[in-house]
C-alpha cells in the first residue's frame, strides 16, 4: 500500500487543528508516558514557536482528501556548534558523539509515531524516506539524520536499522548534557506560548514534538547523507 507523506503548515487555527491531530496520535502512541494530548500539543506549539523554519513535522495519510493521519514524526535542523547549538538534554551531546565539526548541521528526528493497529504496514518506512528527501533539500544541508530510540523498543530498532541507520552510543540515565539554567528559562517561557496564537508558519515548513529529557535508556542512531 502507498502512503502519502506531507508537511504540516498553515496559519492560526488551521495550524493548531493539525497540531492537535498530531498530538492525539502521540498521546495514543506514547500512552505509557502518561502525557496527555494537551501536554503534547503544548510541546508541539513550543517547537513551532522557538524553532521556526528549522522545524518540520511530517504526517502520513492514505492520500485521499480529508483522510485521517496514520503516522507522524518531526525533524529539527540543528547546528553542531556555535551560539545556536542545542543545550537540551541528550541532544546537546549528539555532535560530540558523532564527531561533527562545529560548522556542520544535523537533522534530529523525534516523535515517530504510528497507531498500534496500523503498524507493520510501511508507514514508518514512508516517513523515514520523506525525512531523507527533506534533508536533501535543506539549506544548509545536514550531514546526517540522527535520532534516539529506547533500547527496549525492538520494532523501532528494526525499522531504523532496515532504513540504514546505525547505532552509535547508549545514553544512560543522567548521561545527557544540557544547561540546567537554559532549561529552566525555557520552561518559564513555555507557560505563555499558547497566548501567542495566531501563529504564522511558512509554507512548506512545519511542527514538532516536546523536549526530550536526558533520563532515558536510549541508543543514538545515525544515517549519514551523501555530500553531493
N, C-alpha and C. Protein backbone atom coordinates (compact mmCIF):
# COMPACT_ATOMS: atom_id res chain seq x y z
N UNK A 1 0.84 -1.20 0.00
CA UNK A 1 0.00 0.00 0.00
C UNK A 1 0.87 1.25 0.00
N UNK A 2 0.45 2.26 -0.72
CA UNK A 2 1.20 3.50 -0.81
C UNK A 2 0.63 4.54 0.14
N UNK A 3 1.51 5.17 0.91
CA UNK A 3 1.08 6.20 1.86
C UNK A 3 1.58 7.56 1.41
N UNK A 4 0.75 8.56 1.56
CA UNK A 4 1.17 9.93 1.26
C UNK A 4 1.79 10.53 2.52
N UNK A 5 2.95 11.16 2.35
CA UNK A 5 3.60 11.86 3.46
C UNK A 5 3.72 13.32 3.08
N UNK A 6 3.27 14.19 3.95
CA UNK A 6 3.27 15.62 3.67
C UNK A 6 3.74 16.40 4.89
N UNK A 7 4.11 17.64 4.67
CA UNK A 7 4.49 18.52 5.76
C UNK A 7 3.27 19.28 6.28
N UNK A 8 3.29 19.56 7.55
CA UNK A 8 2.21 20.32 8.18
C UNK A 8 2.61 21.79 8.20
N UNK A 9 1.72 22.65 7.75
CA UNK A 9 1.97 24.08 7.81
C UNK A 9 0.65 24.81 7.73
N UNK A 10 0.68 26.11 7.98
CA UNK A 10 -0.54 26.90 7.93
C UNK A 10 -0.52 28.05 8.90
N UNK A 11 -1.66 28.69 9.06
CA UNK A 11 -1.80 29.83 9.95
C UNK A 11 -2.79 29.52 11.07
N UNK A 12 -2.60 30.14 12.23
CA UNK A 12 -3.58 30.13 13.29
C UNK A 12 -4.31 28.84 13.53
N UNK A 13 -5.64 28.87 13.36
CA UNK A 13 -6.48 27.72 13.65
C UNK A 13 -6.18 26.54 12.75
N UNK A 14 -5.87 26.80 11.47
CA UNK A 14 -5.54 25.71 10.55
C UNK A 14 -4.33 24.94 11.06
N UNK A 15 -3.33 25.68 11.48
CA UNK A 15 -2.12 25.07 12.02
C UNK A 15 -2.41 24.35 13.33
N UNK A 16 -3.16 25.00 14.20
CA UNK A 16 -3.44 24.42 15.51
C UNK A 16 -4.26 23.13 15.39
N UNK A 17 -5.21 23.09 14.47
CA UNK A 17 -6.02 21.89 14.29
C UNK A 17 -5.15 20.70 13.85
N UNK A 18 -4.18 20.97 12.96
CA UNK A 18 -3.29 19.89 12.52
C UNK A 18 -2.38 19.44 13.66
N UNK A 19 -1.89 20.40 14.43
CA UNK A 19 -1.06 20.08 15.58
C UNK A 19 -1.83 19.23 16.59
N UNK A 20 -3.09 19.58 16.77
CA UNK A 20 -3.91 18.82 17.73
C UNK A 20 -4.06 17.37 17.27
N UNK A 21 -4.22 17.14 15.97
CA UNK A 21 -4.36 15.78 15.46
C UNK A 21 -3.06 15.00 15.66
N UNK A 22 -1.92 15.67 15.44
CA UNK A 22 -0.63 15.02 15.69
C UNK A 22 -0.49 14.70 17.18
N UNK A 23 -0.89 15.64 18.03
CA UNK A 23 -0.81 15.42 19.48
C UNK A 23 -1.66 14.22 19.91
N UNK A 24 -2.82 14.07 19.30
CA UNK A 24 -3.67 12.91 19.61
C UNK A 24 -2.99 11.60 19.22
N UNK A 25 -2.32 11.61 18.07
CA UNK A 25 -1.56 10.43 17.64
C UNK A 25 -0.46 10.10 18.66
N UNK A 26 0.25 11.13 19.09
CA UNK A 26 1.33 10.94 20.05
C UNK A 26 0.82 10.43 21.38
N UNK A 27 -0.31 10.98 21.84
CA UNK A 27 -0.87 10.55 23.11
C UNK A 27 -1.25 9.08 23.07
N UNK A 28 -1.76 8.64 21.92
CA UNK A 28 -2.12 7.23 21.76
C UNK A 28 -0.88 6.35 21.64
N UNK A 29 0.10 6.81 20.86
CA UNK A 29 1.28 6.00 20.63
C UNK A 29 2.23 5.93 21.79
N UNK A 30 2.24 6.99 22.61
CA UNK A 30 3.15 7.03 23.76
C UNK A 30 2.37 7.08 25.07
N UNK A 31 1.26 6.34 25.12
CA UNK A 31 0.39 6.42 26.30
C UNK A 31 1.06 5.96 27.57
N UNK A 32 2.13 5.15 27.46
CA UNK A 32 2.83 4.67 28.66
C UNK A 32 3.53 5.82 29.38
N UNK A 33 3.79 6.91 28.67
CA UNK A 33 4.48 8.05 29.29
C UNK A 33 3.56 8.84 30.20
N UNK A 34 2.24 8.67 30.04
CA UNK A 34 1.29 9.37 30.88
C UNK A 34 1.04 10.81 30.47
N UNK A 35 1.60 11.25 29.36
CA UNK A 35 1.41 12.62 28.91
C UNK A 35 0.09 12.73 28.16
N UNK A 36 -0.68 13.76 28.47
CA UNK A 36 -1.97 13.95 27.82
C UNK A 36 -1.80 14.60 26.46
N UNK A 37 -2.86 14.53 25.66
CA UNK A 37 -2.83 15.16 24.35
C UNK A 37 -2.60 16.67 24.49
N UNK A 38 -3.17 17.27 25.54
CA UNK A 38 -2.98 18.71 25.75
C UNK A 38 -1.52 19.02 26.04
N UNK A 39 -0.87 18.20 26.88
CA UNK A 39 0.55 18.41 27.18
C UNK A 39 1.39 18.31 25.92
N UNK A 40 1.07 17.30 25.09
CA UNK A 40 1.83 17.09 23.86
C UNK A 40 1.60 18.22 22.87
N UNK A 41 0.37 18.75 22.84
CA UNK A 41 0.08 19.90 21.98
C UNK A 41 0.92 21.09 22.41
N UNK A 42 1.04 21.31 23.70
CA UNK A 42 1.88 22.40 24.20
C UNK A 42 3.32 22.23 23.74
N UNK A 43 3.80 20.97 23.73
CA UNK A 43 5.15 20.72 23.26
C UNK A 43 5.31 21.03 21.79
N UNK A 44 4.30 20.69 21.01
CA UNK A 44 4.33 20.99 19.58
C UNK A 44 4.35 22.49 19.34
N UNK A 45 3.53 23.21 20.08
CA UNK A 45 3.49 24.67 19.95
C UNK A 45 4.84 25.26 20.31
N UNK A 46 5.47 24.71 21.34
CA UNK A 46 6.79 25.19 21.73
C UNK A 46 7.79 25.02 20.59
N UNK A 47 7.75 23.89 19.93
CA UNK A 47 8.65 23.66 18.81
C UNK A 47 8.42 24.68 17.70
N UNK A 48 7.17 24.93 17.36
CA UNK A 48 6.85 25.90 16.31
C UNK A 48 7.33 27.29 16.72
N UNK A 49 7.08 27.62 17.96
CA UNK A 49 7.39 28.97 18.44
C UNK A 49 8.89 29.26 18.45
N UNK A 50 9.68 28.28 18.89
CA UNK A 50 11.10 28.55 19.12
C UNK A 50 12.02 28.03 18.03
N UNK A 51 11.56 27.10 17.20
CA UNK A 51 12.44 26.56 16.17
C UNK A 51 12.16 27.14 14.79
N UNK A 52 10.96 27.68 14.61
CA UNK A 52 10.64 28.37 13.36
C UNK A 52 10.84 27.51 12.13
N UNK A 53 11.49 28.09 11.12
CA UNK A 53 11.67 27.41 9.85
C UNK A 53 12.63 26.24 9.89
N UNK A 54 13.33 26.04 11.02
CA UNK A 54 14.23 24.88 11.15
C UNK A 54 13.50 23.64 11.64
N UNK A 55 12.20 23.74 11.83
CA UNK A 55 11.41 22.65 12.37
C UNK A 55 10.40 22.17 11.35
N UNK A 56 10.35 20.86 11.12
CA UNK A 56 9.47 20.26 10.11
C UNK A 56 8.72 19.10 10.72
N UNK A 57 7.42 19.08 10.57
CA UNK A 57 6.61 17.95 11.02
C UNK A 57 6.04 17.24 9.80
N UNK A 58 6.29 15.95 9.72
CA UNK A 58 5.77 15.13 8.64
C UNK A 58 4.63 14.28 9.15
N UNK A 59 3.56 14.17 8.35
CA UNK A 59 2.43 13.32 8.70
C UNK A 59 2.09 12.43 7.50
N UNK A 60 1.58 11.26 7.79
CA UNK A 60 1.21 10.30 6.75
C UNK A 60 -0.30 10.09 6.76
N UNK A 61 -0.87 9.89 5.55
CA UNK A 61 -2.27 9.51 5.43
C UNK A 61 -2.41 8.64 4.18
N UNK A 62 -3.64 8.23 3.87
CA UNK A 62 -3.80 7.30 2.74
C UNK A 62 -3.92 8.00 1.39
N UNK A 63 -3.79 9.32 1.40
CA UNK A 63 -3.77 10.07 0.14
C UNK A 63 -5.09 10.65 -0.29
N UNK A 64 -6.18 10.27 0.35
CA UNK A 64 -7.48 10.80 -0.03
C UNK A 64 -7.77 12.09 0.74
N UNK A 65 -8.56 12.97 0.13
CA UNK A 65 -8.89 14.24 0.76
C UNK A 65 -9.62 14.02 2.08
N UNK A 66 -9.16 14.71 3.11
CA UNK A 66 -9.82 14.62 4.41
C UNK A 66 -9.50 13.36 5.19
N UNK A 67 -8.56 12.55 4.71
CA UNK A 67 -8.24 11.30 5.40
C UNK A 67 -7.49 11.58 6.69
N UNK A 68 -7.67 10.68 7.67
CA UNK A 68 -7.05 10.85 8.97
C UNK A 68 -5.55 10.56 8.91
N UNK A 69 -4.79 11.21 9.79
CA UNK A 69 -3.37 10.93 9.89
C UNK A 69 -3.16 9.52 10.44
N UNK A 70 -2.20 8.81 9.86
CA UNK A 70 -1.90 7.46 10.33
C UNK A 70 -0.46 7.34 10.81
N UNK A 71 0.25 8.45 10.89
CA UNK A 71 1.62 8.44 11.37
C UNK A 71 2.21 9.83 11.33
N UNK A 72 3.26 10.04 12.12
CA UNK A 72 3.89 11.36 12.16
C UNK A 72 5.30 11.24 12.71
N UNK A 73 6.11 12.22 12.38
CA UNK A 73 7.41 12.39 13.01
C UNK A 73 7.81 13.85 12.82
N UNK A 74 8.78 14.32 13.60
CA UNK A 74 9.23 15.68 13.38
C UNK A 74 10.74 15.75 13.30
N UNK A 75 11.21 16.79 12.64
CA UNK A 75 12.62 16.98 12.34
C UNK A 75 13.03 18.40 12.70
N UNK A 76 14.22 18.54 13.29
CA UNK A 76 14.75 19.86 13.59
C UNK A 76 16.17 19.95 13.06
N UNK A 77 16.43 20.98 12.25
CA UNK A 77 17.77 21.22 11.73
C UNK A 77 18.56 21.97 12.79
N UNK A 78 19.67 21.35 13.24
CA UNK A 78 20.45 21.92 14.34
C UNK A 78 21.91 22.09 13.96
N UNK A 79 22.54 23.18 14.42
CA UNK A 79 23.98 23.35 14.19
C UNK A 79 24.77 22.51 15.19
N UNK A 80 25.93 22.03 14.76
CA UNK A 80 26.76 21.23 15.65
C UNK A 80 27.51 22.08 16.66
N UNK A 81 27.68 23.37 16.37
CA UNK A 81 28.39 24.25 17.28
C UNK A 81 27.86 25.66 17.21
N UNK A 82 28.50 26.56 17.94
CA UNK A 82 28.09 27.95 17.92
C UNK A 82 27.03 28.28 18.95
N UNK A 83 26.57 29.52 18.93
CA UNK A 83 25.62 30.01 19.92
C UNK A 83 24.27 29.31 19.84
N UNK A 84 23.90 28.82 18.66
CA UNK A 84 22.58 28.21 18.49
C UNK A 84 22.61 26.68 18.66
N UNK A 85 23.72 26.14 19.09
CA UNK A 85 23.80 24.70 19.35
C UNK A 85 22.81 24.32 20.43
N UNK A 86 22.13 23.19 20.27
CA UNK A 86 21.14 22.75 21.26
C UNK A 86 21.79 22.50 22.61
N UNK A 87 21.11 22.93 23.67
CA UNK A 87 21.56 22.68 25.04
C UNK A 87 20.61 21.74 25.77
N UNK A 88 19.72 21.11 25.02
CA UNK A 88 18.68 20.29 25.61
C UNK A 88 19.10 18.84 25.80
N UNK A 89 19.27 18.42 27.04
CA UNK A 89 19.46 17.03 27.40
C UNK A 89 20.42 16.27 26.50
N UNK A 90 19.99 15.08 26.06
CA UNK A 90 20.85 14.21 25.27
C UNK A 90 21.13 14.76 23.88
N UNK A 91 20.30 15.70 23.41
CA UNK A 91 20.53 16.27 22.08
C UNK A 91 21.83 17.08 22.07
N UNK A 92 22.16 17.69 23.19
CA UNK A 92 23.38 18.50 23.27
C UNK A 92 24.64 17.67 23.05
N UNK A 93 24.57 16.38 23.34
CA UNK A 93 25.74 15.51 23.21
C UNK A 93 25.94 14.93 21.81
N UNK A 94 24.92 15.05 20.96
CA UNK A 94 24.97 14.39 19.66
C UNK A 94 26.16 14.81 18.80
N UNK A 95 26.44 16.12 18.64
CA UNK A 95 27.58 16.50 17.78
C UNK A 95 28.89 15.86 18.23
N UNK A 96 29.12 15.82 19.54
CA UNK A 96 30.35 15.22 20.06
C UNK A 96 30.38 13.73 19.80
N UNK A 97 29.25 13.06 20.04
CA UNK A 97 29.19 11.62 19.83
C UNK A 97 29.39 11.24 18.37
N UNK A 98 28.97 12.12 17.46
CA UNK A 98 29.10 11.85 16.03
C UNK A 98 30.40 12.41 15.45
N UNK A 99 31.13 13.18 16.25
CA UNK A 99 32.37 13.76 15.76
C UNK A 99 32.16 14.82 14.70
N UNK A 100 31.09 15.60 14.82
CA UNK A 100 30.78 16.62 13.81
C UNK A 100 31.61 17.88 14.04
N UNK A 101 32.11 18.50 12.98
CA UNK A 101 32.80 19.79 13.13
C UNK A 101 31.79 20.86 13.52
N UNK A 102 32.27 21.94 14.12
CA UNK A 102 31.37 22.97 14.64
C UNK A 102 30.55 23.66 13.57
N UNK A 103 31.04 23.67 12.33
CA UNK A 103 30.30 24.35 11.26
C UNK A 103 29.32 23.43 10.55
N UNK A 104 29.18 22.18 11.02
CA UNK A 104 28.25 21.24 10.40
C UNK A 104 26.85 21.40 10.99
N UNK A 105 25.88 20.80 10.31
CA UNK A 105 24.50 20.74 10.80
C UNK A 105 24.02 19.30 10.74
N UNK A 106 23.08 18.97 11.60
CA UNK A 106 22.47 17.65 11.55
C UNK A 106 20.97 17.78 11.72
N UNK A 107 20.24 16.80 11.20
CA UNK A 107 18.79 16.79 11.29
C UNK A 107 18.41 15.81 12.40
N UNK A 108 17.71 16.30 13.42
CA UNK A 108 17.36 15.45 14.56
C UNK A 108 15.90 15.04 14.46
N UNK A 109 15.65 13.75 14.49
CA UNK A 109 14.30 13.19 14.32
C UNK A 109 13.74 12.75 15.66
N UNK A 110 12.53 13.16 15.96
CA UNK A 110 11.82 12.75 17.18
C UNK A 110 10.35 12.53 16.88
N UNK A 111 9.62 12.04 17.87
CA UNK A 111 8.17 11.93 17.76
C UNK A 111 7.67 10.99 16.69
N UNK A 112 8.45 9.98 16.31
CA UNK A 112 7.97 9.00 15.34
C UNK A 112 6.85 8.18 15.97
N UNK A 113 5.67 8.23 15.35
CA UNK A 113 4.53 7.52 15.93
C UNK A 113 3.62 6.98 14.83
N UNK A 114 3.17 5.74 15.01
CA UNK A 114 2.19 5.10 14.15
C UNK A 114 1.22 4.36 15.07
N UNK A 115 -0.09 4.54 14.92
CA UNK A 115 -1.04 3.83 15.79
C UNK A 115 -0.80 2.32 15.76
N UNK A 116 -1.03 1.69 16.90
CA UNK A 116 -0.76 0.26 17.04
C UNK A 116 -1.41 -0.56 15.93
N UNK A 117 -2.67 -0.24 15.63
CA UNK A 117 -3.41 -1.01 14.62
C UNK A 117 -2.87 -0.84 13.21
N UNK A 118 -2.06 0.20 12.99
CA UNK A 118 -1.57 0.50 11.64
C UNK A 118 -0.10 0.11 11.46
N UNK A 119 0.52 -0.43 12.47
CA UNK A 119 1.95 -0.73 12.39
C UNK A 119 2.23 -1.91 11.47
N UNK A 120 3.48 -1.98 11.01
CA UNK A 120 3.96 -3.02 10.10
C UNK A 120 3.27 -2.93 8.73
N UNK A 121 2.82 -1.73 8.40
CA UNK A 121 2.19 -1.53 7.10
C UNK A 121 2.97 -0.60 6.19
N UNK A 122 4.20 -0.28 6.55
CA UNK A 122 5.04 0.56 5.70
C UNK A 122 4.96 2.05 5.99
N UNK A 123 4.20 2.45 7.01
CA UNK A 123 4.04 3.88 7.31
C UNK A 123 5.35 4.46 7.83
N UNK A 124 5.98 3.77 8.76
CA UNK A 124 7.26 4.25 9.29
C UNK A 124 8.31 4.37 8.20
N UNK A 125 8.36 3.39 7.30
CA UNK A 125 9.30 3.44 6.17
C UNK A 125 9.05 4.68 5.31
N UNK A 126 7.77 4.96 5.05
CA UNK A 126 7.43 6.11 4.21
C UNK A 126 7.85 7.42 4.87
N UNK A 127 7.65 7.53 6.19
CA UNK A 127 8.05 8.73 6.91
C UNK A 127 9.56 8.92 6.88
N UNK A 128 10.31 7.84 7.04
CA UNK A 128 11.77 7.94 7.02
C UNK A 128 12.28 8.32 5.63
N UNK A 129 11.67 7.77 4.59
CA UNK A 129 12.09 8.13 3.23
C UNK A 129 11.87 9.62 2.97
N UNK A 130 10.72 10.12 3.41
CA UNK A 130 10.44 11.54 3.19
C UNK A 130 11.37 12.41 4.04
N UNK A 131 11.71 11.95 5.24
CA UNK A 131 12.65 12.69 6.09
C UNK A 131 13.98 12.88 5.38
N UNK A 132 14.46 11.83 4.73
CA UNK A 132 15.72 11.93 3.99
C UNK A 132 15.57 12.83 2.77
N UNK A 133 14.42 12.78 2.12
CA UNK A 133 14.18 13.65 0.98
C UNK A 133 14.18 15.11 1.41
N UNK A 134 13.56 15.40 2.55
CA UNK A 134 13.56 16.75 3.10
C UNK A 134 14.98 17.19 3.40
N UNK A 135 15.76 16.30 4.01
CA UNK A 135 17.14 16.63 4.37
C UNK A 135 17.95 17.05 3.15
N UNK A 136 17.72 16.40 2.04
CA UNK A 136 18.47 16.71 0.82
C UNK A 136 18.14 18.10 0.27
N UNK A 137 16.97 18.63 0.65
CA UNK A 137 16.54 19.93 0.12
C UNK A 137 16.86 21.09 1.05
N UNK A 138 17.31 20.81 2.25
CA UNK A 138 17.54 21.86 3.23
C UNK A 138 18.81 22.64 2.93
N UNK A 139 18.82 23.89 3.36
CA UNK A 139 19.99 24.75 3.23
C UNK A 139 20.15 25.52 4.54
N UNK A 140 21.23 25.27 5.28
CA UNK A 140 22.35 24.39 4.95
C UNK A 140 21.95 22.91 5.00
N UNK A 141 22.62 22.12 4.17
CA UNK A 141 22.32 20.70 4.12
C UNK A 141 22.91 20.00 5.33
N UNK A 142 22.13 19.17 6.02
CA UNK A 142 22.66 18.43 7.18
C UNK A 142 23.61 17.32 6.74
N UNK A 143 24.55 17.03 7.61
CA UNK A 143 25.49 15.94 7.36
C UNK A 143 24.84 14.58 7.53
N UNK A 144 23.83 14.53 8.40
CA UNK A 144 23.21 13.25 8.73
C UNK A 144 21.84 13.47 9.35
N UNK A 145 21.10 12.38 9.50
CA UNK A 145 19.87 12.36 10.29
C UNK A 145 20.17 11.53 11.53
N UNK A 146 19.90 12.08 12.71
CA UNK A 146 20.18 11.39 13.96
C UNK A 146 18.91 11.26 14.79
N UNK A 147 18.86 10.26 15.63
CA UNK A 147 17.70 10.04 16.50
C UNK A 147 18.11 9.21 17.70
N UNK A 148 17.27 9.21 18.72
CA UNK A 148 17.44 8.32 19.86
C UNK A 148 16.27 7.35 19.91
N UNK A 149 16.54 6.11 20.27
CA UNK A 149 15.49 5.11 20.36
C UNK A 149 15.69 4.31 21.65
N UNK A 150 14.59 3.99 22.30
CA UNK A 150 14.66 3.20 23.54
C UNK A 150 15.27 1.84 23.23
N UNK A 151 16.20 1.41 24.07
CA UNK A 151 16.87 0.13 23.86
C UNK A 151 15.90 -1.04 23.91
N UNK A 152 14.80 -0.89 24.62
CA UNK A 152 13.83 -1.97 24.76
C UNK A 152 12.84 -2.02 23.59
N UNK A 153 12.90 -1.04 22.70
CA UNK A 153 11.93 -0.95 21.60
C UNK A 153 12.46 -1.69 20.38
N UNK A 154 12.34 -3.01 20.40
CA UNK A 154 12.84 -3.83 19.32
C UNK A 154 12.28 -3.50 17.95
N UNK A 155 10.96 -3.31 17.80
CA UNK A 155 10.40 -2.97 16.49
C UNK A 155 10.97 -1.68 15.91
N UNK A 156 11.14 -0.66 16.75
CA UNK A 156 11.69 0.60 16.26
C UNK A 156 13.15 0.45 15.86
N UNK A 157 13.92 -0.28 16.67
CA UNK A 157 15.32 -0.54 16.32
C UNK A 157 15.41 -1.25 14.98
N UNK A 158 14.49 -2.20 14.76
CA UNK A 158 14.48 -2.91 13.49
C UNK A 158 14.11 -2.00 12.33
N UNK A 159 13.14 -1.12 12.53
CA UNK A 159 12.71 -0.18 11.50
C UNK A 159 13.88 0.71 11.06
N UNK A 160 14.57 1.29 12.04
CA UNK A 160 15.65 2.21 11.72
C UNK A 160 16.84 1.47 11.10
N UNK A 161 17.16 0.30 11.62
CA UNK A 161 18.26 -0.48 11.06
C UNK A 161 17.99 -0.84 9.60
N UNK A 162 16.76 -1.25 9.31
CA UNK A 162 16.38 -1.60 7.95
C UNK A 162 16.50 -0.40 7.01
N UNK A 163 16.27 0.80 7.55
CA UNK A 163 16.34 2.01 6.73
C UNK A 163 17.77 2.54 6.60
N UNK A 164 18.73 1.85 7.20
CA UNK A 164 20.12 2.26 7.04
C UNK A 164 20.74 3.02 8.19
N UNK A 165 20.01 3.13 9.31
CA UNK A 165 20.56 3.80 10.49
C UNK A 165 21.44 2.82 11.26
N UNK A 166 22.52 3.34 11.84
CA UNK A 166 23.43 2.51 12.62
C UNK A 166 23.53 3.06 14.04
N UNK A 167 23.68 2.16 15.00
CA UNK A 167 23.80 2.56 16.40
C UNK A 167 25.16 3.18 16.66
N UNK A 168 25.17 4.27 17.42
CA UNK A 168 26.41 4.97 17.73
C UNK A 168 26.80 4.80 19.18
N UNK A 169 25.87 5.06 20.09
CA UNK A 169 26.20 5.01 21.52
C UNK A 169 24.94 4.89 22.34
N UNK A 170 25.09 4.42 23.57
CA UNK A 170 23.99 4.37 24.51
C UNK A 170 23.95 5.65 25.33
N UNK A 171 22.76 6.10 25.66
CA UNK A 171 22.58 7.24 26.54
C UNK A 171 21.87 6.75 27.78
N UNK A 172 22.63 6.58 28.86
CA UNK A 172 22.07 6.04 30.10
C UNK A 172 21.52 7.16 30.97
N UNK A 173 20.81 6.81 32.03
CA UNK A 173 20.23 7.80 32.92
C UNK A 173 21.29 8.79 33.39
N UNK A 174 20.94 10.07 33.22
CA UNK A 174 21.82 11.11 33.71
C UNK A 174 23.00 11.40 32.81
N UNK A 175 23.10 10.73 31.67
CA UNK A 175 24.28 10.90 30.82
C UNK A 175 24.19 12.11 29.92
N UNK A 176 22.98 12.65 29.76
CA UNK A 176 22.81 13.76 28.83
C UNK A 176 23.47 15.02 29.30
N UNK A 177 23.83 15.87 28.34
CA UNK A 177 24.42 17.15 28.68
C UNK A 177 23.32 18.14 28.96
N UNK A 178 23.45 19.33 28.41
CA UNK A 178 22.39 20.31 28.58
C UNK A 178 22.75 21.33 29.63
N UNK A 179 22.00 22.41 29.61
CA UNK A 179 22.23 23.52 30.50
C UNK A 179 21.01 23.67 31.39
N UNK A 180 21.16 23.46 32.69
CA UNK A 180 20.02 23.47 33.61
C UNK A 180 19.34 24.83 33.63
N UNK A 181 20.15 25.91 33.63
CA UNK A 181 19.55 27.24 33.67
C UNK A 181 18.76 27.52 32.41
N UNK A 182 19.29 27.10 31.26
CA UNK A 182 18.58 27.30 30.00
C UNK A 182 17.28 26.53 30.00
N UNK A 183 17.29 25.30 30.51
CA UNK A 183 16.07 24.51 30.57
C UNK A 183 15.02 25.18 31.44
N UNK A 184 15.44 25.73 32.58
CA UNK A 184 14.50 26.41 33.47
C UNK A 184 13.91 27.64 32.79
N UNK A 185 14.75 28.38 32.06
CA UNK A 185 14.26 29.57 31.36
C UNK A 185 13.23 29.19 30.30
N UNK A 186 13.50 28.10 29.57
CA UNK A 186 12.57 27.69 28.52
C UNK A 186 11.26 27.19 29.12
N UNK A 187 11.33 26.53 30.28
CA UNK A 187 10.10 26.08 30.93
C UNK A 187 9.23 27.27 31.31
N UNK A 188 9.86 28.35 31.76
CA UNK A 188 9.11 29.54 32.13
C UNK A 188 8.48 30.18 30.90
N UNK A 189 9.23 30.20 29.80
CA UNK A 189 8.69 30.81 28.58
C UNK A 189 7.54 30.00 28.01
N UNK A 190 7.58 28.69 28.20
CA UNK A 190 6.56 27.82 27.63
C UNK A 190 5.17 28.14 28.17
N UNK A 191 5.10 28.64 29.41
CA UNK A 191 3.81 28.92 30.02
C UNK A 191 2.98 29.94 29.25
N UNK A 192 3.66 30.77 28.45
CA UNK A 192 2.94 31.82 27.72
C UNK A 192 2.80 31.53 26.23
N UNK A 193 3.19 30.33 25.81
CA UNK A 193 3.22 30.05 24.37
C UNK A 193 1.86 30.12 23.70
N UNK A 194 0.86 29.48 24.30
CA UNK A 194 -0.43 29.40 23.63
C UNK A 194 -1.06 30.77 23.44
N UNK A 195 -0.67 31.73 24.27
CA UNK A 195 -1.23 33.07 24.13
C UNK A 195 -0.68 33.78 22.89
N UNK A 196 0.31 33.19 22.23
CA UNK A 196 0.93 33.82 21.07
C UNK A 196 0.17 33.55 19.78
N UNK A 197 -0.87 32.71 19.80
CA UNK A 197 -1.62 32.45 18.58
C UNK A 197 -2.39 33.71 18.18
N UNK A 198 -2.73 33.93 16.90
CA UNK A 198 -2.44 33.02 15.80
C UNK A 198 -0.98 33.07 15.37
N UNK A 199 -0.42 31.92 15.10
CA UNK A 199 0.94 31.83 14.62
C UNK A 199 0.95 31.80 13.10
N UNK A 200 1.93 32.42 12.53
CA UNK A 200 2.14 32.37 11.09
C UNK A 200 3.28 31.40 10.83
N UNK A 201 3.01 30.34 10.08
CA UNK A 201 4.06 29.37 9.80
C UNK A 201 4.31 29.32 8.32
N UNK A 202 5.56 29.37 7.87
CA UNK A 202 5.86 29.44 6.44
C UNK A 202 5.44 28.19 5.69
N UNK A 203 4.93 28.39 4.49
CA UNK A 203 4.55 27.26 3.65
C UNK A 203 5.72 26.33 3.43
N UNK A 204 5.44 25.01 3.61
CA UNK A 204 6.49 24.02 3.41
C UNK A 204 7.26 23.71 4.66
N UNK A 205 7.06 24.50 5.72
CA UNK A 205 7.72 24.21 6.98
C UNK A 205 6.79 23.40 7.85
N UNK A 206 7.15 23.19 9.12
CA UNK A 206 6.20 22.51 9.99
C UNK A 206 6.60 22.48 11.43
N UNK A 207 6.17 21.47 12.11
CA UNK A 207 5.95 21.47 13.54
C UNK A 207 6.61 20.33 14.25
N UNK A 208 6.26 20.05 15.54
CA UNK A 208 7.01 19.00 16.19
C UNK A 208 6.58 18.45 17.50
N UNK A 209 7.52 17.99 18.27
CA UNK A 209 7.27 17.24 19.50
C UNK A 209 7.95 17.95 20.65
N UNK A 210 7.71 17.53 21.85
CA UNK A 210 8.26 18.18 23.02
C UNK A 210 9.73 17.85 23.27
N UNK A 211 10.27 18.46 24.32
CA UNK A 211 11.66 18.31 24.68
C UNK A 211 11.95 16.91 25.21
N UNK A 212 13.09 16.34 24.84
CA UNK A 212 13.47 15.02 25.31
C UNK A 212 14.31 15.14 26.56
N UNK A 213 13.91 14.53 27.64
CA UNK A 213 14.72 14.56 28.85
C UNK A 213 15.94 13.66 28.71
N UNK A 214 16.95 13.91 29.53
CA UNK A 214 18.18 13.12 29.47
C UNK A 214 18.15 12.00 30.51
N UNK A 215 17.00 11.37 30.66
CA UNK A 215 16.86 10.34 31.69
C UNK A 215 16.32 9.05 31.12
N UNK A 216 16.64 8.75 29.88
CA UNK A 216 16.13 7.54 29.26
C UNK A 216 17.27 6.61 28.89
N UNK A 217 16.96 5.34 28.86
CA UNK A 217 17.92 4.34 28.44
C UNK A 217 17.75 4.19 26.93
N UNK A 218 18.56 4.93 26.18
CA UNK A 218 18.36 5.04 24.74
C UNK A 218 19.66 4.88 23.97
N UNK A 219 19.51 4.56 22.72
CA UNK A 219 20.65 4.44 21.81
C UNK A 219 20.58 5.53 20.75
N UNK A 220 21.70 6.16 20.49
CA UNK A 220 21.80 7.12 19.41
C UNK A 220 22.02 6.36 18.11
N UNK A 221 21.21 6.68 17.10
CA UNK A 221 21.36 6.07 15.78
C UNK A 221 21.52 7.19 14.75
N UNK A 222 22.24 6.88 13.67
CA UNK A 222 22.52 7.92 12.68
C UNK A 222 22.50 7.32 11.28
N UNK A 223 22.09 8.13 10.32
CA UNK A 223 22.22 7.78 8.92
C UNK A 223 22.93 8.94 8.24
N UNK A 224 24.12 8.67 7.71
CA UNK A 224 24.90 9.69 7.05
C UNK A 224 24.36 9.94 5.64
N UNK A 225 24.33 11.21 5.26
CA UNK A 225 23.79 11.60 3.96
C UNK A 225 24.91 11.84 2.96
N UNK A 226 24.59 11.73 1.70
CA UNK A 226 25.59 11.96 0.66
C UNK A 226 26.04 13.42 0.70
N UNK A 227 27.27 13.67 0.29
CA UNK A 227 27.83 15.02 0.31
C UNK A 227 27.52 15.79 -0.96
N UNK A 228 26.92 15.17 -1.91
CA UNK A 228 26.64 15.82 -3.20
C UNK A 228 25.52 16.85 -3.05
